[in-house]
Amino acid sequence: MPDETAAVLALLPAASARLAQKAAKPPWWHPYAPDLGSGAWRSRQTWAAGPATAA
């Protein structure tokens, strides 16, 4: 039991870092959000860069 607890505790920093990254997304961000200016659907990477960078 102590070994399992230590393993879970070792994972907590990585999990909290992932949650912090998600919380840091700007409010307009969505992984499948369309670029409303051109009507084109953007990939996750392109859209995550921000609407101002859309080509």
PDB file of N, CA and C in Angstrom:
ATOM      1  N   MET A   1       0.821  -1.217   0.000  1.00  0.00           N
ATOM      2  CA  MET A   1       0.000   0.000   0.000  1.00  0.00           C
ATOM      3  C   MET A   1       0.858   1.271   0.000  1.00  0.00           C
ATOM      4  N   PRO A   2       1.873   1.384   0.830  1.00  0.00           N
ATOM      5  CA  PRO A   2       2.694   2.602   0.788  1.00  0.00           C
ATOM      6  C   PRO A   2       3.344   2.819  -0.580  1.00  0.00           C
ATOM      7  N   ASP A   3       3.721   1.727  -1.261  1.00  0.00           N
ATOM      8  CA  ASP A   3       4.336   1.874  -2.584  1.00  0.00           C
ATOM      9  C   ASP A   3       3.349   2.476  -3.579  1.00  0.00           C
ATOM     10  N   GLU A   4       2.101   2.014  -3.516  1.00  0.00           N
ATOM     11  CA  GLU A   4       1.088   2.552  -4.424  1.00  0.00           C
ATOM     12  C   GLU A   4       0.831   4.024  -4.126  1.00  0.00           C
ATOM     13  N   THR A   5       0.810   4.367  -2.854  1.00  0.00           N
ATOM     14  CA  THR A   5       0.579   5.761  -2.475  1.00  0.00           C
ATOM     15  C   THR A   5       1.711   6.638  -2.996  1.00  0.00           C
ATOM     16  N   ALA A   6       2.932   6.170  -2.868  1.00  0.00           N
ATOM     17  CA  ALA A   6       4.079   6.945  -3.351  1.00  0.00           C
ATOM     18  C   ALA A   6       4.002   7.123  -4.866  1.00  0.00           C
ATOM     19  N   ALA A   7       3.551   6.090  -5.573  1.00  0.00           N
ATOM     20  CA  ALA A   7       3.439   6.186  -7.026  1.00  0.00           C
ATOM     21  C   ALA A   7       2.397   7.231  -7.423  1.00  0.00           C
ATOM     22  N   VAL A   8       1.281   7.231  -6.707  1.00  0.00           N
ATOM     23  CA  VAL A   8       0.235   8.213  -7.012  1.00  0.00           C
ATOM     24  C   VAL A   8       0.729   9.622  -6.697  1.00  0.00           C
ATOM     25  N   LEU A   9       1.389   9.778  -5.573  1.00  0.00           N
ATOM     26  CA  LEU A   9       1.897  11.100  -5.191  1.00  0.00           C
ATOM     27  C   LEU A   9       2.950  11.590  -6.186  1.00  0.00           C
ATOM     28  N   ALA A  10       3.699  10.668  -6.772  1.00  0.00           N
ATOM     29  CA  ALA A  10       4.714  11.057  -7.749  1.00  0.00           C
ATOM     30  C   ALA A  10       4.061  11.600  -9.033  1.00  0.00           C
ATOM     31  N   LEU A  11       2.842  11.172  -9.311  1.00  0.00           N
ATOM     32  CA  LEU A  11       2.155  11.626 -10.526  1.00  0.00           C
ATOM     33  C   LEU A  11       1.476  12.978 -10.351  1.00  0.00           C
ATOM     34  N   LEU A  12       1.260  13.397  -9.123  1.00  0.00           N
ATOM     35  CA  LEU A  12       0.495  14.623  -8.903  1.00  0.00           C
ATOM     36  C   LEU A  12       1.119  15.874  -9.531  1.00  0.00           C
ATOM     37  N   PRO A  13       2.434  16.093  -9.427  1.00  0.00           N
ATOM     38  CA  PRO A  13       2.971  17.315 -10.050  1.00  0.00           C
ATOM     39  C   PRO A  13       2.722  17.379 -11.558  1.00  0.00           C
ATOM     40  N   ALA A  14       2.872  16.260 -12.240  1.00  0.00           N
ATOM     41  CA  ALA A  14       2.641  16.255 -13.686  1.00  0.00           C
ATOM     42  C   ALA A  14       1.168  16.535 -13.995  1.00  0.00           C
ATOM     43  N   ALA A  15       0.269  15.939 -13.223  1.00  0.00           N
ATOM     44  CA  ALA A  15      -1.158  16.155 -13.453  1.00  0.00           C
ATOM     45  C   ALA A  15      -1.535  17.607 -13.195  1.00  0.00           C
ATOM     46  N   SER A  16      -1.011  18.185 -12.127  1.00  0.00           N
ATOM     47  CA  SER A  16      -1.359  19.572 -11.834  1.00  0.00           C
ATOM     48  C   SER A  16      -0.759  20.508 -12.879  1.00  0.00           C
ATOM     49  N   ALA A  17       0.415  20.165 -13.413  1.00  0.00           N
ATOM     50  CA  ALA A  17       1.007  20.993 -14.471  1.00  0.00           C
ATOM     51  C   ALA A  17       0.141  20.949 -15.724  1.00  0.00           C
ATOM     52  N   ARG A  18      -0.403  19.767 -16.036  1.00  0.00           N
ATOM     53  CA  ARG A  18      -1.271  19.657 -17.204  1.00  0.00           C
ATOM     54  C   ARG A  18      -2.541  20.484 -17.011  1.00  0.00           C
ATOM     55  N   LEU A  19      -3.095  20.435 -15.806  1.00  0.00           N
ATOM     56  CA  LEU A  19      -4.298  21.223 -15.542  1.00  0.00           C
ATOM     57  C   LEU A  19      -3.995  22.718 -15.637  1.00  0.00           C
ATOM     58  N   ALA A  20      -2.828  23.126 -15.165  1.00  0.00           N
ATOM     59  CA  ALA A  20      -2.460  24.533 -15.232  1.00  0.00           C
ATOM     60  C   ALA A  20      -2.324  24.970 -16.689  1.00  0.00           C
ATOM     61  N   GLN A  21      -1.795  24.104 -17.546  1.00  0.00           N
ATOM     62  CA  GLN A  21      -1.686  24.436 -18.967  1.00  0.00           C
ATOM     63  C   GLN A  21      -3.071  24.621 -19.576  1.00  0.00           C
ATOM     64  N   LYS A  22      -4.000  23.726 -19.227  1.00  0.00           N
ATOM     65  CA  LYS A  22      -5.351  23.852 -19.762  1.00  0.00           C
ATOM     66  C   LYS A  22      -5.996  25.148 -19.280  1.00  0.00           C
ATOM     67  N   ALA A  23      -5.775  25.489 -18.015  1.00  0.00           N
ATOM     68  CA  ALA A  23      -6.381  26.700 -17.463  1.00  0.00           C
ATOM     69  C   ALA A  23      -5.777  27.952 -18.088  1.00  0.00           C
ATOM     70  N   ALA A  24      -4.561  27.842 -18.623  1.00  0.00           N
ATOM     71  CA  ALA A  24      -3.888  29.006 -19.194  1.00  0.00           C
ATOM     72  C   ALA A  24      -4.369  29.333 -20.604  1.00  0.00           C
ATOM     73  N   LYS A  25      -5.214  28.481 -21.187  1.00  0.00           N
ATOM     74  CA  LYS A  25      -5.717  28.745 -22.536  1.00  0.00           C
ATOM     75  C   LYS A  25      -6.545  30.024 -22.517  1.00  0.00           C
ATOM     76  N   PRO A  26      -6.463  30.839 -23.566  1.00  0.00           N
ATOM     77  CA  PRO A  26      -7.304  32.038 -23.624  1.00  0.00           C
ATOM     78  C   PRO A  26      -8.785  31.646 -23.702  1.00  0.00           C
ATOM     79  N   PRO A  27      -9.673  32.529 -23.285  1.00  0.00           N
ATOM     80  CA  PRO A  27     -11.088  32.150 -23.188  1.00  0.00           C
ATOM     81  C   PRO A  27     -11.730  31.778 -24.516  1.00  0.00           C
ATOM     82  N   TRP A  28     -11.190  32.293 -25.639  1.00  0.00           N
ATOM     83  CA  TRP A  28     -11.807  31.983 -26.927  1.00  0.00           C
ATOM     84  C   TRP A  28     -11.352  30.637 -27.480  1.00  0.00           C
ATOM     85  N   TRP A  29     -10.347  30.000 -26.847  1.00  0.00           N
ATOM     86  CA  TRP A  29      -9.745  28.812 -27.419  1.00  0.00           C
ATOM     87  C   TRP A  29     -10.644  27.597 -27.290  1.00  0.00           C
ATOM     88  N   HIS A  30     -10.742  26.851 -28.362  1.00  0.00           N
ATOM     89  CA  HIS A  30     -11.406  25.560 -28.342  1.00  0.00           C
ATOM     90  C   HIS A  30     -10.709  24.693 -29.388  1.00  0.00           C
ATOM     91  N   PRO A  31     -10.446  23.412 -29.051  1.00  0.00           N
ATOM     92  CA  PRO A  31      -9.642  22.596 -29.986  1.00  0.00           C
ATOM     93  C   PRO A  31     -10.264  22.444 -31.365  1.00  0.00           C
ATOM     94  N   TYR A  32     -11.595  22.508 -31.467  1.00  0.00           N
ATOM     95  CA  TYR A  32     -12.228  22.327 -32.764  1.00  0.00           C
ATOM     96  C   TYR A  32     -13.001  23.560 -33.193  1.00  0.00           C
ATOM     97  N   ALA A  33     -12.594  24.710 -32.684  1.00  0.00           N
ATOM     98  CA  ALA A  33     -13.334  25.921 -33.009  1.00  0.00           C
ATOM     99  C   ALA A  33     -13.042  26.350 -34.449  1.00  0.00           C
ATOM    100  N   PRO A  34     -14.038  26.807 -35.175  1.00  0.00           N
ATOM    101  CA  PRO A  34     -13.795  27.313 -36.530  1.00  0.00           C
ATOM    102  C   PRO A  34     -13.174  28.694 -36.480  1.00  0.00           C
ATOM    103  N   ASP A  35     -12.454  29.042 -37.507  1.00  0.00           N
ATOM    104  CA  ASP A  35     -11.993  30.411 -37.658  1.00  0.00           C
ATOM    105  C   ASP A  35     -13.175  31.177 -38.264  1.00  0.00           C
ATOM    106  N   LEU A  36     -13.793  31.995 -37.463  1.00  0.00           N
ATOM    107  CA  LEU A  36     -15.037  32.624 -37.902  1.00  0.00           C
ATOM    108  C   LEU A  36     -14.810  33.645 -39.010  1.00  0.00           C
ATOM    109  N   GLY A  37     -13.567  34.157 -39.139  1.00  0.00           N
ATOM    110  CA  GLY A  37     -13.294  35.145 -40.179  1.00  0.00           C
ATOM    111  C   GLY A  37     -13.399  34.540 -41.570  1.00  0.00           C
ATOM    112  N   SER A  38     -12.783  33.365 -41.777  1.00  0.00           N
ATOM    113  CA  SER A  38     -12.773  32.774 -43.111  1.00  0.00           C
ATOM    114  C   SER A  38     -13.784  31.635 -43.228  1.00  0.00           C
ATOM    115  N   GLY A  39     -14.296  31.173 -42.106  1.00  0.00           N
ATOM    116  CA  GLY A  39     -15.209  30.051 -42.124  1.00  0.00           C
ATOM    117  C   GLY A  39     -14.502  28.717 -42.272  1.00  0.00           C
ATOM    118  N   ALA A  40     -13.176  28.740 -42.351  1.00  0.00           N
ATOM    119  CA  ALA A  40     -12.419  27.494 -42.518  1.00  0.00           C
ATOM    120  C   ALA A  40     -12.179  26.849 -41.159  1.00  0.00           C
ATOM    121  N   TRP A  41     -12.216  25.525 -41.119  1.00  0.00           N
ATOM    122  CA  TRP A  41     -11.917  24.815 -39.883  1.00  0.00           C
ATOM    123  C   TRP A  41     -10.410  24.683 -39.759  1.00  0.00           C
ATOM    124  N   ARG A  42      -9.900  25.050 -38.596  1.00  0.00           N
ATOM    125  CA  ARG A  42      -8.459  25.056 -38.375  1.00  0.00           C
ATOM    126  C   ARG A  42      -8.028  23.814 -37.604  1.00  0.00           C
ATOM    127  N   SER A  43      -6.782  23.433 -37.814  1.00  0.00           N
ATOM    128  CA  SER A  43      -6.226  22.343 -37.010  1.00  0.00           C
ATOM    129  C   SER A  43      -6.027  22.844 -35.591  1.00  0.00           C
ATOM    130  N   ARG A  44      -5.881  21.917 -34.685  1.00  0.00           N
ATOM    131  CA  ARG A  44      -5.680  22.263 -33.275  1.00  0.00           C
ATOM    132  C   ARG A  44      -4.460  23.182 -33.110  1.00  0.00           C
ATOM    133  N   GLN A  45      -3.366  22.889 -33.802  1.00  0.00           N
ATOM    134  CA  GLN A  45      -2.149  23.667 -33.630  1.00  0.00           C
ATOM    135  C   GLN A  45      -2.317  25.081 -34.197  1.00  0.00           C
ATOM    136  N   THR A  46      -2.905  25.174 -35.378  1.00  0.00           N
ATOM    137  CA  THR A  46      -3.071  26.481 -36.004  1.00  0.00           C
ATOM    138  C   THR A  46      -3.993  27.353 -35.164  1.00  0.00           C
ATOM    139  N   TRP A  47      -5.093  26.783 -34.695  1.00  0.00           N
ATOM    140  CA  TRP A  47      -6.053  27.580 -33.936  1.00  0.00           C
ATOM    141  C   TRP A  47      -5.477  27.962 -32.576  1.00  0.00           C
ATOM    142  N   ALA A  48      -4.692  27.085 -31.973  1.00  0.00           N
ATOM    143  CA  ALA A  48      -4.130  27.380 -30.654  1.00  0.00           C
ATOM    144  C   ALA A  48      -3.178  28.571 -30.729  1.00  0.00           C
ATOM    145  N   ALA A  49      -2.614  28.838 -31.919  1.00  0.00           N
ATOM    146  CA  ALA A  49      -1.716  29.973 -32.063  1.00  0.00           C
ATOM    147  C   ALA A  49      -2.474  31.289 -31.964  1.00  0.00           C
ATOM    148  N   GLY A  50      -3.754  31.266 -32.209  1.00  0.00           N
ATOM    149  CA  GLY A  50      -4.568  32.468 -32.072  1.00  0.00           C
ATOM    150  C   GLY A  50      -5.191  32.892 -33.382  1.00  0.00           C
ATOM    151  N   PRO A  51      -6.350  33.543 -33.316  1.00  0.00           N
ATOM    152  CA  PRO A  51      -7.051  33.921 -34.553  1.00  0.00           C
ATOM    153  C   PRO A  51      -6.286  34.959 -35.375  1.00  0.00           C
ATOM    154  N   ALA A  52      -5.430  35.758 -34.739  1.00  0.00           N
ATOM    155  CA  ALA A  52      -4.717  36.797 -35.478  1.00  0.00           C
ATOM    156  C   ALA A  52      -3.680  36.211 -36.427  1.00  0.00           C
ATOM    157  N   THR A  53      -3.243  34.983 -36.184  1.00  0.00           N
ATOM    158  CA  THR A  53      -2.209  34.384 -37.020  1.00  0.00           C
ATOM    159  C   THR A  53      -2.789  33.558 -38.162  1.00  0.00           C
ATOM    160  N   ALA A  54      -4.117  33.531 -38.269  1.00  0.00           N
ATOM    161  CA  ALA A  54      -4.733  32.698 -39.303  1.00  0.00           C
ATOM    162  C   ALA A  54      -4.364  33.221 -40.685  1.00  0.00           C
ATOM    163  N   ALA A  55      -3.962  32.307 -41.555  1.00  0.00           N
ATOM    164  CA  ALA A  55      -3.537  32.726 -42.898  1.00  0.00           C
ATOM    165  C   ALA A  55      -4.724  32.714 -43.856  1.00  0.00           C
TER     166      ALA A  55
END
